[in-house]
């Protein structure tokens, strides 16, 4: 809604500047070393670029849930309930610890995904979704980050949250896909070395376990 005295052109320019600022901050935050980009790297290194991109697609699909939740105000309600937030933390931590133990058990396996392995692809995609949806850090990030770019007095708040959520998912998918391609290109040859492959599977397990345990300390 354009306030009195403001032209449609001014409102459009203001919105454009806001979106540019949001995307600039989103890209920088996505590129910063964090759990999601580490997950994409480890999947790409240990299973190939196809796996990394599919896994990234799962992570970005999970962002739809967080976008809807923050748009509807459900994220704020969940965070304000100590019991609900505690349950979310436990579920997220338990799932990541389970993945860490599973990765450690399979540390000697060659897990590169080849075209046609649809069962493996769907499992990897679901894994990305669950890891994102059950991560309370993503919920807190959306609560803290998105409202900074939405003027709640200007109307259509939900539409603005959905727009920002869509833009965030798009830039994250592009960046994660590029990271997956680069990580696989750098690692494919060395992953043929059994010692390096074993080491990377241990790293994958440690990443899962470390992030999983850290969720217990999220406030």
Protein backbone atom coordinates (compact mmCIF):
# COMPACT_ATOMS: atom_id res chain seq x y z
CA UNK A 1 0.00 0.00 0.00
CA UNK A 2 1.38 3.41 -1.02
CA UNK A 3 1.14 6.03 1.69
CA UNK A 4 -0.37 9.46 0.92
CA UNK A 5 2.14 11.71 -0.80
CA UNK A 6 4.16 8.83 -2.21
CA UNK A 7 4.06 8.10 -5.93
CA UNK A 8 3.84 4.51 -7.25
CA UNK A 9 7.31 5.01 -8.77
CA UNK A 10 8.75 5.97 -5.38
CA UNK A 11 7.13 2.94 -3.77
CA UNK A 12 8.53 0.69 -6.52
CA UNK A 13 12.04 2.09 -6.10
CA UNK A 14 11.81 1.67 -2.34
CA UNK A 15 10.73 -1.96 -2.75
CA UNK A 16 13.51 -2.61 -5.27
CA UNK A 17 16.16 -1.18 -2.94
CA UNK A 18 14.77 -3.30 -0.12
CA UNK A 19 14.97 -6.45 -2.24
CA UNK A 20 18.53 -5.65 -3.35
CA UNK A 21 19.55 -5.15 0.28
CA UNK A 22 17.82 -8.39 1.29
CA UNK A 23 19.47 -10.42 -1.48
CA UNK A 24 22.90 -8.96 -0.74
CA UNK A 25 22.61 -9.93 2.91
CA UNK A 26 21.12 -13.34 2.04
CA UNK A 27 23.96 -14.21 -0.35
CA UNK A 28 26.61 -13.23 2.19
CA UNK A 29 24.91 -15.24 4.93
CA UNK A 30 24.51 -18.27 2.67
CA UNK A 31 28.20 -18.16 1.71
CA UNK A 32 29.33 -17.93 5.33
CA UNK A 33 30.67 -21.21 6.77
CA UNK A 34 27.71 -22.86 8.45
CA UNK A 35 25.96 -26.22 8.81
CA UNK A 36 24.00 -26.11 5.54
CA UNK A 37 26.94 -25.32 3.27
CA UNK A 38 29.08 -27.86 5.15
CA UNK A 39 26.39 -30.48 4.62
CA UNK A 40 26.29 -29.72 0.89
CA UNK A 41 30.09 -29.92 0.66
CA UNK A 42 30.33 -33.23 2.50
CA UNK A 43 27.54 -34.77 0.42
CA UNK A 44 29.18 -33.58 -2.81
CA UNK A 45 32.64 -34.79 -1.79
CA UNK A 46 31.52 -38.21 -0.55
CA UNK A 47 28.69 -38.90 -3.03
CA UNK A 48 29.21 -36.62 -6.03
CA UNK A 49 27.76 -33.38 -7.38
CA UNK A 50 24.42 -34.98 -8.23
CA UNK A 51 23.98 -35.92 -4.58
CA UNK A 52 25.03 -32.45 -3.44
CA UNK A 53 22.50 -30.73 -5.71
CA UNK A 54 19.68 -33.11 -4.75
CA UNK A 55 20.49 -32.62 -1.08
CA UNK A 56 20.55 -28.84 -1.58
CA UNK A 57 17.13 -29.10 -3.21
CA UNK A 58 15.86 -30.83 -0.08
CA UNK A 59 17.31 -28.14 2.15
CA UNK A 60 15.71 -25.39 0.06
CA UNK A 61 12.38 -27.22 -0.02
CA UNK A 62 12.47 -27.26 3.76
CA UNK A 63 12.71 -23.47 3.65
CA UNK A 64 9.15 -23.42 2.29
CA UNK A 65 7.93 -24.67 5.67
CA UNK A 66 9.88 -21.98 7.53
CA UNK A 67 8.70 -19.29 5.12
CA UNK A 68 5.05 -20.25 5.60
CA UNK A 69 5.53 -20.50 9.35
CA UNK A 70 7.04 -17.04 9.70
CA UNK A 71 4.46 -15.59 7.29
CA UNK A 72 1.59 -16.97 9.36
CA UNK A 73 3.21 -16.08 12.67
CA UNK A 74 3.58 -19.75 13.64
CA UNK A 75 7.35 -19.43 14.11
CA UNK A 76 6.85 -16.80 16.80
CA UNK A 77 4.27 -18.99 18.55
CA UNK A 78 6.57 -22.01 18.44
CA UNK A 79 9.52 -20.07 19.81
CA UNK A 80 7.40 -18.56 22.58
CA UNK A 81 6.38 -22.05 23.77
CA UNK A 82 9.24 -23.51 25.80
CA UNK A 83 7.89 -27.04 25.49
CA UNK A 84 7.32 -26.90 21.71
CA UNK A 85 10.73 -25.37 21.08
CA UNK A 86 12.39 -27.96 23.33
CA UNK A 87 10.69 -30.79 21.43
CA UNK A 88 11.85 -29.31 18.10
CA UNK A 89 15.43 -29.10 19.41
CA UNK A 90 15.35 -32.72 20.58
CA UNK A 91 13.90 -34.00 17.30
CA UNK A 92 16.46 -32.08 15.25
CA UNK A 93 19.38 -33.15 17.43
CA UNK A 94 18.28 -36.79 17.50
CA UNK A 95 17.94 -36.92 13.71
CA UNK A 96 21.38 -35.40 13.10
CA UNK A 97 23.02 -37.67 15.66
CA UNK A 98 21.35 -40.64 13.96
CA UNK A 99 22.75 -39.50 10.60
CA UNK A 100 26.19 -39.07 12.17
CA UNK A 101 26.19 -42.60 13.57
CA UNK A 102 24.94 -43.95 10.24
CA UNK A 103 27.67 -42.10 8.35
CA UNK A 104 30.30 -43.48 10.73
CA UNK A 105 29.04 -47.05 10.28
CA UNK A 106 29.16 -46.66 6.48
CA UNK A 107 32.59 -44.99 6.46
CA UNK A 108 34.14 -47.74 4.30
CA UNK A 109 31.47 -47.70 1.60
CA UNK A 110 31.71 -46.10 -1.85
CA UNK A 111 28.56 -43.97 -1.86
CA UNK A 112 28.83 -42.01 -5.13
CA UNK A 113 25.36 -41.62 -6.63
CA UNK A 114 25.03 -42.53 -10.29
CA UNK A 115 22.17 -41.58 -12.66
CA UNK A 116 19.22 -43.94 -12.22
CA UNK A 117 19.71 -44.52 -8.50
CA UNK A 118 16.30 -43.00 -7.78
CA UNK A 119 15.89 -44.66 -4.40
CA UNK A 120 19.11 -43.08 -3.16
CA UNK A 121 18.14 -39.74 -4.66
CA UNK A 122 14.73 -39.62 -2.97
CA UNK A 123 16.25 -40.58 0.39
CA UNK A 124 18.83 -37.85 0.06
CA UNK A 125 16.15 -35.30 -0.90
CA UNK A 126 13.99 -36.26 2.10
CA UNK A 127 17.05 -36.06 4.33
CA UNK A 128 17.64 -32.44 3.25
CA UNK A 129 14.02 -31.52 3.94
CA UNK A 130 13.97 -33.09 7.40
CA UNK A 131 17.31 -31.61 8.41
CA UNK A 132 16.08 -28.13 7.52
CA UNK A 133 12.57 -28.38 8.97
CA UNK A 134 13.81 -29.86 12.26
CA UNK A 135 16.60 -27.32 12.70
CA UNK A 136 15.59 -24.69 15.31
CA UNK A 137 18.50 -22.49 14.17
CA UNK A 138 16.74 -21.94 10.83
CA UNK A 139 13.54 -21.00 12.65
CA UNK A 140 15.41 -18.46 14.78
CA UNK A 141 17.20 -17.11 11.71
CA UNK A 142 13.94 -16.48 9.88
CA UNK A 143 12.41 -14.80 12.94
CA UNK A 144 15.41 -12.46 13.31
CA UNK A 145 16.28 -11.83 9.65
CA UNK A 146 13.07 -11.49 7.64
CA UNK A 147 11.20 -8.84 9.70
CA UNK A 148 14.10 -6.41 9.18
CA UNK A 149 13.10 -6.13 5.51
CA UNK A 150 9.32 -5.92 5.93
CA UNK A 151 7.44 -2.74 6.80
CA UNK A 152 4.56 -4.19 8.76
CA UNK A 153 2.70 -0.87 8.72
CA UNK A 154 2.56 -0.81 4.91
CA UNK A 155 0.21 -3.79 4.59
CA UNK A 156 0.38 -7.17 2.81
CA UNK A 157 2.91 -8.48 5.33
CA UNK A 158 2.31 -12.13 4.47
CA UNK A 159 2.86 -11.50 0.76
CA UNK A 160 6.15 -9.74 1.48
CA UNK A 161 7.34 -12.58 3.70
CA UNK A 162 6.48 -15.10 0.96
CA UNK A 163 8.33 -13.01 -1.65
CA UNK A 164 11.44 -12.78 0.51
CA UNK A 165 11.23 -16.48 1.29
CA UNK A 166 11.08 -17.34 -2.40
CA UNK A 167 14.05 -15.10 -3.17
CA UNK A 168 16.02 -16.60 -0.30
CA UNK A 169 15.34 -20.14 -1.53
CA UNK A 170 16.32 -19.23 -5.09
CA UNK A 171 19.67 -17.69 -4.18
CA UNK A 172 20.43 -20.51 -1.73
CA UNK A 173 19.74 -23.16 -4.39
CA UNK A 174 22.00 -21.40 -6.91
CA UNK A 175 24.85 -21.02 -4.43
CA UNK A 176 24.55 -24.55 -3.04
CA UNK A 177 24.51 -26.00 -6.59
CA UNK A 178 27.69 -24.09 -7.47
CA UNK A 179 29.32 -25.28 -4.25
CA UNK A 180 28.31 -28.87 -5.04
CA UNK A 181 29.83 -28.68 -8.54
CA UNK A 182 33.07 -27.19 -7.25
CA UNK A 183 33.41 -29.61 -4.31
CA UNK A 184 32.84 -32.67 -6.50
CA UNK A 185 35.28 -31.44 -9.15
CA UNK A 186 38.00 -30.95 -6.55
CA UNK A 187 37.40 -34.27 -4.84
CA UNK A 188 36.44 -36.90 -7.43
CA UNK A 189 40.01 -38.05 -8.08
CA UNK A 190 41.16 -38.02 -4.50
CA UNK A 191 38.01 -39.86 -3.37
CA UNK A 192 39.37 -42.87 -5.29
CA UNK A 193 42.03 -43.00 -2.59
CA UNK A 194 40.62 -45.26 0.11
CA UNK A 195 42.35 -43.39 2.91
CA UNK A 196 41.01 -40.02 1.82
CA UNK A 197 37.54 -41.50 1.25
CA UNK A 198 37.61 -42.99 4.75
CA UNK A 199 38.74 -39.64 6.18
CA UNK A 200 35.94 -37.72 4.43
CA UNK A 201 33.29 -40.12 5.70
CA UNK A 202 34.61 -39.56 9.21
CA UNK A 203 34.42 -35.79 8.61
CA UNK A 204 30.82 -36.19 7.45
CA UNK A 205 29.95 -38.12 10.61
CA UNK A 206 31.64 -35.52 12.81
CA UNK A 207 29.75 -32.67 11.09
CA UNK A 208 26.41 -34.38 11.69
CA UNK A 209 27.23 -35.22 15.30
CA UNK A 210 28.68 -31.79 16.06
CA UNK A 211 25.71 -29.87 14.68
CA UNK A 212 23.30 -32.31 16.30
CA UNK A 213 24.80 -31.87 19.76
CA UNK A 214 24.95 -28.07 19.30
CA UNK A 215 21.16 -27.95 18.85
CA UNK A 216 20.70 -28.86 22.51
CA UNK A 217 22.29 -25.52 23.40
CA UNK A 218 20.09 -23.35 21.16
CA UNK A 219 18.11 -20.83 23.22
